C-alpha atoms as a PDB file:
ATOM      1  CA  MET A   1      47.724 -26.118 -46.527  1.00  0.00           C
ATOM      2  CA  ALA A   2      44.838 -28.765 -45.711  1.00  0.00           C
ATOM      3  CA  MET A   3      42.027 -26.954 -44.344  1.00  0.00           C
ATOM      4  CA  ALA A   4      40.640 -28.723 -40.687  1.00  0.00           C
ATOM      5  CA  GLU A   5      37.846 -31.168 -41.395  1.00  0.00           C
ATOM      6  CA  THR A   6      34.915 -30.020 -39.645  1.00  0.00           C
ATOM      7  CA  ARG A   7      32.439 -32.592 -37.930  1.00  0.00           C
ATOM      8  CA  PHE A   8      28.377 -31.815 -38.586  1.00  0.00           C
ATOM      9  CA  GLN A   9      26.657 -30.959 -35.365  1.00  0.00           C
ATOM     10  CA  PRO A  10      23.099 -31.094 -35.373  1.00  0.00           C
ATOM     11  CA  ALA A  11      23.072 -28.934 -32.271  1.00  0.00           C
ATOM     12  CA  ARG A  12      24.598 -26.515 -34.326  1.00  0.00           C
ATOM     13  CA  ILE A  13      21.838 -25.710 -36.691  1.00  0.00           C
ATOM     14  CA  PRO A  14      19.597 -22.716 -36.223  1.00  0.00           C
ATOM     15  CA  GLY A  15      16.098 -23.804 -34.227  1.00  0.00           C
ATOM     16  CA  PHE A  16      17.523 -27.166 -33.236  1.00  0.00           C
ATOM     17  CA  ALA A  17      17.771 -26.044 -29.137  1.00  0.00           C
ATOM     18  CA  ALA A  18      13.486 -24.885 -29.342  1.00  0.00           C
ATOM     19  CA  ILE A  19      12.688 -27.875 -31.693  1.00  0.00           C
ATOM     20  CA  ALA A  20      14.553 -29.893 -28.910  1.00  0.00           C
ATOM     21  CA  MET A  21      12.420 -27.847 -26.446  1.00  0.00           C
ATOM     22  CA  LEU A  22       9.470 -28.164 -27.586  1.00  0.00           C
ATOM     23  CA  ALA A  23       9.389 -32.226 -28.671  1.00  0.00           C
ATOM     24  CA  PHE A  24       9.890 -32.825 -24.479  1.00  0.00           C
ATOM     25  CA  VAL A  25       6.816 -30.210 -23.827  1.00  0.00           C
ATOM     26  CA  ALA A  26       4.866 -32.185 -25.804  1.00  0.00           C
ATOM     27  CA  LEU A  27       6.141 -35.661 -24.159  1.00  0.00           C
ATOM     28  CA  TYR A  28       6.178 -35.195 -21.078  1.00  0.00           C
ATOM     29  CA  LEU A  29       3.666 -32.178 -19.730  1.00  0.00           C
ATOM     30  CA  PRO A  30       0.846 -34.414 -20.441  1.00  0.00           C
ATOM     31  CA  ILE A  31       2.294 -36.699 -17.876  1.00  0.00           C
ATOM     32  CA  PHE A  32       3.144 -33.921 -15.426  1.00  0.00           C
ATOM     33  CA  THR A  33      -0.543 -32.660 -15.555  1.00  0.00           C
ATOM     34  CA  LEU A  34      -2.021 -36.245 -14.734  1.00  0.00           C
ATOM     35  CA  VAL A  35       0.432 -36.808 -12.012  1.00  0.00           C
ATOM     36  CA  ALA A  36      -0.311 -33.113 -10.247  1.00  0.00           C
ATOM     37  CA  TYR A  37      -4.542 -33.665 -11.142  1.00  0.00           C
ATOM     38  CA  ALA A  38      -3.820 -37.116  -9.172  1.00  0.00           C
ATOM     39  CA  PHE A  39      -3.488 -34.863  -5.924  1.00  0.00           C
ATOM     40  CA  ASN A  40      -6.555 -32.963  -6.699  1.00  0.00           C
ATOM     41  CA  GLY A  41      -9.163 -32.557  -3.898  1.00  0.00           C
ATOM     42  CA  GLY A  42     -11.938 -32.154  -6.127  1.00  0.00           C
ATOM     43  CA  THR A  43     -13.619 -34.384  -8.703  1.00  0.00           C
ATOM     44  CA  SER A  44     -12.829 -32.478 -11.925  1.00  0.00           C
ATOM     45  CA  ILE A  45      -9.779 -33.725 -13.552  1.00  0.00           C
ATOM     46  CA  ALA A  46      -9.604 -30.174 -15.565  1.00  0.00           C
ATOM     47  CA  VAL A  47     -10.223 -28.067 -12.763  1.00  0.00           C
ATOM     48  CA  TRP A  48      -8.249 -27.481  -9.707  1.00  0.00           C
ATOM     49  CA  GLU A  49      -9.652 -27.845  -5.951  1.00  0.00           C
ATOM     50  CA  GLY A  50      -7.261 -28.197  -3.620  1.00  0.00           C
ATOM     51  CA  LEU A  51      -4.053 -30.313  -2.996  1.00  0.00           C
ATOM     52  CA  SER A  52      -5.398 -33.699  -1.488  1.00  0.00           C
ATOM     53  CA  LEU A  53      -3.963 -37.351  -1.018  1.00  0.00           C
ATOM     54  CA  HIS A  54      -7.697 -38.552  -1.763  1.00  0.00           C
ATOM     55  CA  TRP A  55      -7.708 -40.070  -4.721  1.00  0.00           C
ATOM     56  CA  PHE A  56      -4.802 -42.024  -4.085  1.00  0.00           C
ATOM     57  CA  SER A  57      -6.299 -43.503  -0.470  1.00  0.00           C
ATOM     58  CA  LYS A  58     -10.015 -44.291  -2.573  1.00  0.00           C
ATOM     59  CA  ALA A  59      -7.706 -46.374  -5.386  1.00  0.00           C
ATOM     60  CA  TRP A  60      -5.440 -47.994  -2.255  1.00  0.00           C
ATOM     61  CA  ALA A  61      -9.221 -49.159  -0.846  1.00  0.00           C
ATOM     62  CA  ASN A  62     -10.881 -50.390  -3.727  1.00  0.00           C
ATOM     63  CA  GLU A  63     -10.941 -53.598  -4.022  1.00  0.00           C
ATOM     64  CA  ALA A  64     -11.573 -53.766  -7.758  1.00  0.00           C
ATOM     65  CA  VAL A  65      -8.436 -52.294  -8.129  1.00  0.00           C
ATOM     66  CA  LYS A  66      -6.294 -54.584  -5.769  1.00  0.00           C
ATOM     67  CA  SER A  67      -7.594 -57.061  -7.521  1.00  0.00           C
ATOM     68  CA  ALA A  68      -6.844 -55.899 -11.011  1.00  0.00           C
ATOM     69  CA  THR A  69      -3.529 -54.993  -9.989  1.00  0.00           C
ATOM     70  CA  LEU A  70      -2.578 -58.083  -8.891  1.00  0.00           C
ATOM     71  CA  ARG A  71      -3.604 -59.923 -11.756  1.00  0.00           C
ATOM     72  CA  SER A  72      -2.032 -57.879 -13.889  1.00  0.00           C
ATOM     73  CA  LEU A  73       1.491 -58.284 -12.109  1.00  0.00           C
ATOM     74  CA  VAL A  74       0.677 -61.920 -12.762  1.00  0.00           C
ATOM     75  CA  ILE A  75       0.390 -61.945 -15.951  1.00  0.00           C
ATOM     76  CA  ALA A  76       3.106 -59.375 -16.927  1.00  0.00           C
ATOM     77  CA  ALA A  77       5.689 -61.594 -14.934  1.00  0.00           C
ATOM     78  CA  SER A  78       4.479 -65.083 -16.243  1.00  0.00           C
ATOM     79  CA  ALA A  79       4.001 -63.730 -20.016  1.00  0.00           C
ATOM     80  CA  ALA A  80       7.406 -62.084 -19.433  1.00  0.00           C
ATOM     81  CA  ALA A  81       9.042 -65.220 -18.597  1.00  0.00           C
ATOM     82  CA  VAL A  82       7.916 -67.152 -21.044  1.00  0.00           C
ATOM     83  CA  ALA A  83       9.114 -64.367 -23.723  1.00  0.00           C
ATOM     84  CA  THR A  84      12.133 -63.887 -22.639  1.00  0.00           C
ATOM     85  CA  THR A  85      13.161 -67.675 -22.423  1.00  0.00           C
ATOM     86  CA  ALA A  86      11.843 -68.098 -25.850  1.00  0.00           C
ATOM     87  CA  ALA A  87      13.505 -65.182 -27.044  1.00  0.00           C
ATOM     88  CA  THR A  88      17.277 -66.229 -25.638  1.00  0.00           C
ATOM     89  CA  LEU A  89      16.670 -69.467 -27.182  1.00  0.00           C
ATOM     90  CA  ALA A  90      15.797 -67.334 -30.730  1.00  0.00           C
ATOM     91  CA  ALA A  91      17.992 -65.475 -30.042  1.00  0.00           C
ATOM     92  CA  LEU A  92      21.060 -68.471 -30.092  1.00  0.00           C
ATOM     93  CA  GLY A  93      19.766 -70.069 -32.539  1.00  0.00           C
ATOM     94  CA  THR A  94      19.548 -67.413 -35.273  1.00  0.00           C
ATOM     95  CA  THR A  95      22.836 -65.850 -34.358  1.00  0.00           C
ATOM     96  CA  ARG A  96      25.188 -68.509 -32.995  1.00  0.00           C
ATOM     97  CA  ARG A  97      25.682 -70.624 -35.965  1.00  0.00           C
ATOM     98  CA  ALA A  98      26.458 -69.993 -39.921  1.00  0.00           C
ATOM     99  CA  GLY A  99      24.063 -68.409 -42.084  1.00  0.00           C
ATOM    100  CA  PHE A 100      21.410 -70.529 -43.765  1.00  0.00           C
ATOM    101  CA  LYS A 101      18.818 -69.879 -46.068  1.00  0.00           C
ATOM    102  CA  GLY A 102      15.907 -68.651 -44.581  1.00  0.00           C
ATOM    103  CA  GLN A 103      17.186 -66.562 -41.933  1.00  0.00           C
ATOM    104  CA  THR A 104      15.912 -63.546 -42.897  1.00  0.00           C
ATOM    105  CA  PHE A 105      12.106 -65.238 -43.486  1.00  0.00           C
ATOM    106  CA  ILE A 106      12.999 -66.375 -39.484  1.00  0.00           C
ATOM    107  CA  TYR A 107      13.948 -63.422 -38.166  1.00  0.00           C
ATOM    108  CA  VAL A 108      10.898 -61.630 -40.481  1.00  0.00           C
ATOM    109  CA  MET A 109       8.273 -64.384 -38.449  1.00  0.00           C
ATOM    110  CA  ILE A 110       9.964 -63.821 -34.825  1.00  0.00           C
ATOM    111  CA  ASN A 111       9.196 -59.272 -35.255  1.00  0.00           C
ATOM    112  CA  GLN A 112       5.903 -60.208 -37.017  1.00  0.00           C
ATOM    113  CA  PRO A 113       4.459 -58.822 -34.145  1.00  0.00           C
ATOM    114  CA  LEU A 114       5.459 -55.443 -34.648  1.00  0.00           C
ATOM    115  CA  MET A 115       4.726 -55.273 -38.166  1.00  0.00           C
ATOM    116  CA  VAL A 116       1.412 -56.528 -37.892  1.00  0.00           C
ATOM    117  CA  PRO A 117      -1.748 -54.443 -36.257  1.00  0.00           C
ATOM    118  CA  GLU A 118      -2.510 -55.100 -32.709  1.00  0.00           C
ATOM    119  CA  ILE A 119      -5.649 -55.448 -33.403  1.00  0.00           C
ATOM    120  CA  VAL A 120      -5.148 -57.786 -36.083  1.00  0.00           C
ATOM    121  CA  THR A 121      -2.630 -59.926 -33.750  1.00  0.00           C
ATOM    122  CA  ALA A 122      -5.999 -59.666 -30.816  1.00  0.00           C
ATOM    123  CA  VAL A 123      -8.763 -60.931 -33.546  1.00  0.00           C
ATOM    124  CA  ALA A 124      -7.067 -63.983 -34.979  1.00  0.00           C
ATOM    125  CA  LEU A 125      -5.444 -65.091 -31.409  1.00  0.00           C
ATOM    126  CA  LEU A 126      -9.584 -64.293 -30.128  1.00  0.00           C
ATOM    127  CA  ILE A 127     -10.542 -67.265 -32.535  1.00  0.00           C
ATOM    128  CA  LEU A 128      -8.243 -69.327 -32.032  1.00  0.00           C
ATOM    129  CA  PHE A 129      -8.340 -69.143 -28.736  1.00  0.00           C
ATOM    130  CA  GLY A 130     -11.904 -69.152 -29.442  1.00  0.00           C
ATOM    131  CA  MET A 131     -11.734 -72.791 -30.891  1.00  0.00           C
ATOM    132  CA  VAL A 132      -9.687 -73.754 -27.607  1.00  0.00           C
ATOM    133  CA  LYS A 133     -11.952 -72.963 -25.283  1.00  0.00           C
ATOM    134  CA  SER A 134     -14.818 -74.694 -27.026  1.00  0.00           C
ATOM    135  CA  TRP A 135     -12.368 -77.867 -27.258  1.00  0.00           C
ATOM    136  CA  THR A 136     -11.475 -77.961 -23.827  1.00  0.00           C
ATOM    137  CA  GLY A 137     -13.995 -75.868 -21.664  1.00  0.00           C
ATOM    138  CA  TYR A 138     -10.575 -73.980 -20.049  1.00  0.00           C
ATOM    139  CA  GLN A 139     -11.217 -69.886 -19.163  1.00  0.00           C
ATOM    140  CA  GLY A 140      -8.642 -69.159 -17.060  1.00  0.00           C
ATOM    141  CA  LEU A 141      -5.601 -66.725 -16.870  1.00  0.00           C
ATOM    142  CA  GLY A 142      -3.187 -69.019 -19.571  1.00  0.00           C
ATOM    143  CA  TYR A 143      -4.909 -67.281 -22.260  1.00  0.00           C
ATOM    144  CA  LEU A 144      -4.057 -63.987 -21.611  1.00  0.00           C
ATOM    145  CA  ILE A 145      -0.152 -65.445 -20.890  1.00  0.00           C
ATOM    146  CA  LEU A 146      -0.320 -67.271 -23.756  1.00  0.00           C
ATOM    147  CA  ALA A 147      -1.390 -63.937 -25.841  1.00  0.00           C
ATOM    148  CA  HIS A 148       0.940 -60.868 -24.289  1.00  0.00           C
ATOM    149  CA  ALA A 149       4.267 -63.838 -24.470  1.00  0.00           C
ATOM    150  CA  ALA A 150       3.050 -64.125 -27.964  1.00  0.00           C
ATOM    151  CA  PHE A 151       2.923 -60.489 -28.753  1.00  0.00           C
ATOM    152  CA  CYS A 152       6.416 -59.453 -26.026  1.00  0.00           C
ATOM    153  CA  ILE A 153       8.768 -62.139 -27.875  1.00  0.00           C
ATOM    154  CA  PRO A 154       9.815 -59.304 -30.378  1.00  0.00           C
ATOM    155  CA  PHE A 155      10.595 -56.817 -27.617  1.00  0.00           C
ATOM    156  CA  ALA A 156      12.770 -59.387 -25.577  1.00  0.00           C
ATOM    157  CA  TYR A 157      14.217 -61.061 -28.872  1.00  0.00           C
ATOM    158  CA  LEU A 158      15.407 -57.531 -30.027  1.00  0.00           C
ATOM    159  CA  PRO A 159      17.895 -56.639 -27.128  1.00  0.00           C
ATOM    160  CA  ILE A 160      19.044 -60.413 -26.655  1.00  0.00           C
ATOM    161  CA  ARG A 161      20.149 -60.356 -30.317  1.00  0.00           C
ATOM    162  CA  ALA A 162      21.845 -56.975 -29.933  1.00  0.00           C
ATOM    163  CA  ARG A 163      24.001 -58.275 -27.422  1.00  0.00           C
ATOM    164  CA  LEU A 164      24.432 -61.531 -28.258  1.00  0.00           C
ATOM    165  CA  GLU A 165      25.473 -59.985 -31.868  1.00  0.00           C
ATOM    166  CA  GLY A 166      28.257 -57.595 -29.372  1.00  0.00           C
ATOM    167  CA  MET A 167      29.933 -60.278 -27.789  1.00  0.00           C
ATOM    168  CA  ASP A 168      33.540 -61.366 -28.591  1.00  0.00           C
ATOM    169  CA  LEU A 169      33.533 -64.957 -29.066  1.00  0.00           C
ATOM    170  CA  SER A 170      37.218 -65.471 -28.303  1.00  0.00           C
ATOM    171  CA  LEU A 171      35.540 -66.152 -24.340  1.00  0.00           C
ATOM    172  CA  GLU A 172      33.644 -69.083 -25.669  1.00  0.00           C
ATOM    173  CA  THR A 173      36.018 -70.330 -28.185  1.00  0.00           C
ATOM    174  CA  ALA A 174      38.591 -70.601 -25.484  1.00  0.00           C
ATOM    175  CA  ALA A 175      35.960 -72.867 -23.131  1.00  0.00           C
ATOM    176  CA  ALA A 176      35.900 -75.236 -26.232  1.00  0.00           C
ATOM    177  CA  ASP A 177      39.325 -75.187 -27.045  1.00  0.00           C
ATOM    178  CA  LEU A 178      39.189 -76.431 -22.726  1.00  0.00           C
ATOM    179  CA  TYR A 179      37.238 -79.049 -23.282  1.00  0.00           C
ATOM    180  CA  ALA A 180      33.745 -77.327 -22.499  1.00  0.00           C
ATOM    181  CA  SER A 181      30.640 -79.113 -23.369  1.00  0.00           C
ATOM    182  CA  PRO A 182      28.438 -76.556 -25.412  1.00  0.00           C
ATOM    183  CA  TRP A 183      26.345 -77.053 -22.033  1.00  0.00           C
ATOM    184  CA  GLN A 184      29.140 -75.960 -20.145  1.00  0.00           C
ATOM    185  CA  THR A 185      30.173 -73.143 -22.047  1.00  0.00           C
ATOM    186  CA  PHE A 186      26.731 -71.523 -22.293  1.00  0.00           C
ATOM    187  CA  ARG A 187      26.051 -72.215 -18.676  1.00  0.00           C
ATOM    188  CA  HIS A 188      29.525 -70.253 -17.449  1.00  0.00           C
ATOM    189  CA  VAL A 189      30.487 -67.959 -20.343  1.00  0.00           C
ATOM    190  CA  THR A 190      27.416 -67.257 -22.915  1.00  0.00           C
ATOM    191  CA  LEU A 191      24.431 -66.656 -20.107  1.00  0.00           C
ATOM    192  CA  PRO A 192      26.406 -64.113 -17.584  1.00  0.00           C
ATOM    193  CA  LEU A 193      27.871 -62.685 -20.317  1.00  0.00           C
ATOM    194  CA  LEU A 194      24.431 -62.366 -21.980  1.00  0.00           C
ATOM    195  CA  ALA A 195      22.517 -61.541 -18.734  1.00  0.00           C
ATOM    196  CA  PRO A 196      22.030 -57.510 -19.288  1.00  0.00           C
ATOM    197  CA  GLY A 197      21.046 -58.550 -22.583  1.00  0.00           C
ATOM    198  CA  ILE A 198      17.897 -60.874 -21.244  1.00  0.00           C
ATOM    199  CA  LEU A 199      17.311 -58.304 -18.018  1.00  0.00           C
ATOM    200  CA  ALA A 200      16.671 -56.281 -21.373  1.00  0.00           C
ATOM    201  CA  GLY A 201      14.253 -57.871 -22.691  1.00  0.00           C
ATOM    202  CA  ALA A 202      12.337 -59.366 -19.842  1.00  0.00           C
ATOM    203  CA  MET A 203      11.964 -55.470 -17.968  1.00  0.00           C
ATOM    204  CA  LEU A 204      10.856 -54.809 -21.381  1.00  0.00           C
ATOM    205  CA  ALA A 205       8.143 -57.519 -21.833  1.00  0.00           C
ATOM    206  CA  PHE A 206       7.033 -57.021 -18.359  1.00  0.00           C
ATOM    207  CA  VAL A 207       6.410 -53.028 -19.145  1.00  0.00           C
ATOM    208  CA  ILE A 208       4.362 -54.190 -22.699  1.00  0.00           C
ATOM    209  CA  SER A 209       2.368 -56.838 -21.002  1.00  0.00           C
ATOM    210  CA  LEU A 210       1.717 -54.429 -18.177  1.00  0.00           C
ATOM    211  CA  ASP A 211      -0.145 -51.633 -20.130  1.00  0.00           C
ATOM    212  CA  ASP A 212      -1.468 -53.805 -22.724  1.00  0.00           C
ATOM    213  CA  VAL A 213      -5.248 -52.790 -23.221  1.00  0.00           C
ATOM    214  CA  VAL A 214      -6.215 -54.233 -26.851  1.00  0.00           C
ATOM    215  CA  ILE A 215      -5.374 -57.595 -26.929  1.00  0.00           C
ATOM    216  CA  THR A 216      -7.048 -57.951 -23.213  1.00  0.00           C
ATOM    217  CA  GLU A 217      -9.595 -56.664 -24.193  1.00  0.00           C
ATOM    218  CA  PHE A 218     -10.355 -59.209 -26.622  1.00  0.00           C
ATOM    219  CA  VAL A 219      -9.010 -62.455 -24.806  1.00  0.00           C
ATOM    220  CA  LYS A 220      -9.968 -62.370 -21.681  1.00  0.00           C
ATOM    221  CA  SER A 221     -12.959 -63.543 -19.873  1.00  0.00           C
ATOM    222  CA  GLY A 222     -15.301 -62.501 -17.390  1.00  0.00           C
ATOM    223  CA  GLY A 223     -13.957 -61.156 -14.514  1.00  0.00           C
ATOM    224  CA  GLN A 224     -10.407 -61.172 -16.311  1.00  0.00           C
ATOM    225  CA  ASP A 225      -9.720 -57.324 -16.007  1.00  0.00           C
ATOM    226  CA  THR A 226      -6.227 -56.159 -16.107  1.00  0.00           C
ATOM    227  CA  LEU A 227      -5.273 -52.809 -14.281  1.00  0.00           C
ATOM    228  CA  PRO A 228      -5.526 -50.785 -18.008  1.00  0.00           C
ATOM    229  CA  THR A 229      -8.887 -52.307 -18.915  1.00  0.00           C
ATOM    230  CA  TYR A 230     -10.081 -52.281 -15.433  1.00  0.00           C
ATOM    231  CA  MET A 231      -9.268 -48.168 -16.265  1.00  0.00           C
ATOM    232  CA  LEU A 232     -10.779 -47.896 -19.291  1.00  0.00           C
ATOM    233  CA  GLY A 233     -13.883 -49.460 -18.080  1.00  0.00           C
ATOM    234  CA  GLN A 234     -14.029 -46.854 -15.376  1.00  0.00           C
ATOM    235  CA  MET A 235     -13.413 -43.775 -17.977  1.00  0.00           C
ATOM    236  CA  ARG A 236     -16.341 -45.156 -20.285  1.00  0.00           C
ATOM    237  CA  ARG A 237     -18.124 -44.752 -17.033  1.00  0.00           C
ATOM    238  CA  ALA A 238     -17.034 -41.062 -15.293  1.00  0.00           C
ATOM    239  CA  ILE A 239     -13.947 -40.155 -15.347  1.00  0.00           C
ATOM    240  CA  THR A 240     -12.487 -39.054 -12.097  1.00  0.00           C
ATOM    241  CA  PRO A 241      -8.767 -37.907 -10.283  1.00  0.00           C
ATOM    242  CA  GLU A 242      -9.089 -41.806  -9.045  1.00  0.00           C
ATOM    243  CA  VAL A 243      -7.770 -42.640 -12.106  1.00  0.00           C
ATOM    244  CA  ASN A 244      -5.141 -40.152 -12.460  1.00  0.00           C
ATOM    245  CA  ALA A 245      -4.140 -41.574  -8.979  1.00  0.00           C
ATOM    246  CA  ILE A 246      -4.299 -45.274 -10.838  1.00  0.00           C
ATOM    247  CA  SER A 247      -1.592 -43.910 -13.728  1.00  0.00           C
ATOM    248  CA  THR A 248       0.369 -42.296 -11.062  1.00  0.00           C
ATOM    249  CA  GLY A 249       0.883 -45.463  -9.243  1.00  0.00           C
ATOM    250  CA  LEU A 250       1.430 -47.144 -12.882  1.00  0.00           C
ATOM    251  CA  LEU A 251       4.218 -44.473 -13.474  1.00  0.00           C
ATOM    252  CA  GLY A 252       5.738 -44.870 -10.132  1.00  0.00           C
ATOM    253  CA  LEU A 253       5.760 -48.703 -11.156  1.00  0.00           C
ATOM    254  CA  THR A 254       7.920 -48.172 -14.545  1.00  0.00           C
ATOM    255  CA  VAL A 255      10.464 -45.676 -13.221  1.00  0.00           C
ATOM    256  CA  ILE A 256      11.425 -47.979 -10.166  1.00  0.00           C
ATOM    257  CA  LEU A 257      12.033 -50.899 -13.051  1.00  0.00           C
ATOM    258  CA  LEU A 258      13.793 -48.565 -15.204  1.00  0.00           C
ATOM    259  CA  THR A 259      16.244 -47.603 -12.014  1.00  0.00           C
ATOM    260  CA  ALA A 260      16.770 -51.088 -10.695  1.00  0.00           C
ATOM    261  CA  PHE A 261      17.643 -52.339 -14.451  1.00  0.00           C
ATOM    262  CA  PHE A 262      20.023 -48.731 -14.837  1.00  0.00           C
ATOM    263  CA  LEU A 263      21.810 -49.913 -11.472  1.00  0.00           C
ATOM    264  CA  LEU A 264      21.685 -53.364 -12.075  1.00  0.00           C
ATOM    265  CA  THR A 265      23.442 -53.140 -15.397  1.00  0.00           C
ATOM    266  CA  ARG A 266      25.846 -50.264 -14.124  1.00  0.00           C
ATOM    267  CA  LYS A 267      26.864 -52.540 -11.485  1.00  0.00           C
ATOM    268  CA  ARG A 268      28.118 -55.164 -14.017  1.00  0.00           C
ATOM    269  CA  ASN A 269      29.676 -53.206 -16.559  1.00  0.00           C
END
């Protein structure tokens, strides 16, 4: 009589639960500590001196924080829009066609920012934009938007490509058989099916742009601090719970975005 096949279950490995709990503690204990000390009534970030919303109100009243936050949101939204559009076109161009010579090279080049150290990308952009600034005299936010978009393209590309590769081609084929043009097929069939992947890519690109520090530090001009670079500058001067309060606000925004994405994709499914 053949023995029943036993499936491997990692959860049954001795010590698996303890290691998993340690991993969760290592990941989330610093975040919980940061959030808790954002409500500290004193000036210390290590000594609890009572519950208070003082640092949240101080951050809310800080004009520099407001300006940096608005600038960060504008840059992140613009960069996410540019990166998602480029990533969608790239994903369509590398999946909705027969294999061709050099396809792997193109895939590697699209994902190059993920493999090259960020500091290298930042220095390269600094040199390139320095040349453009000297030629044009333009010093606006366009450089930051382009820099963030270039860095965010692979983050938007991966979920969009994965969505395309998992889509059934039968509906697109049926649309073509019913004499729909390529544009009509894309607009009425491919795009609605691809929307969850585009939304995921845009959200990921937005979050990556929102908290970027290295590329922003190298590319920005005077008076173009984003919220992360403003926080970095404040920590170099004096560390107060105001930084914790700002970080807690960023964390809250991220949680809201993730929750909205989950609800939207669940409704679509």
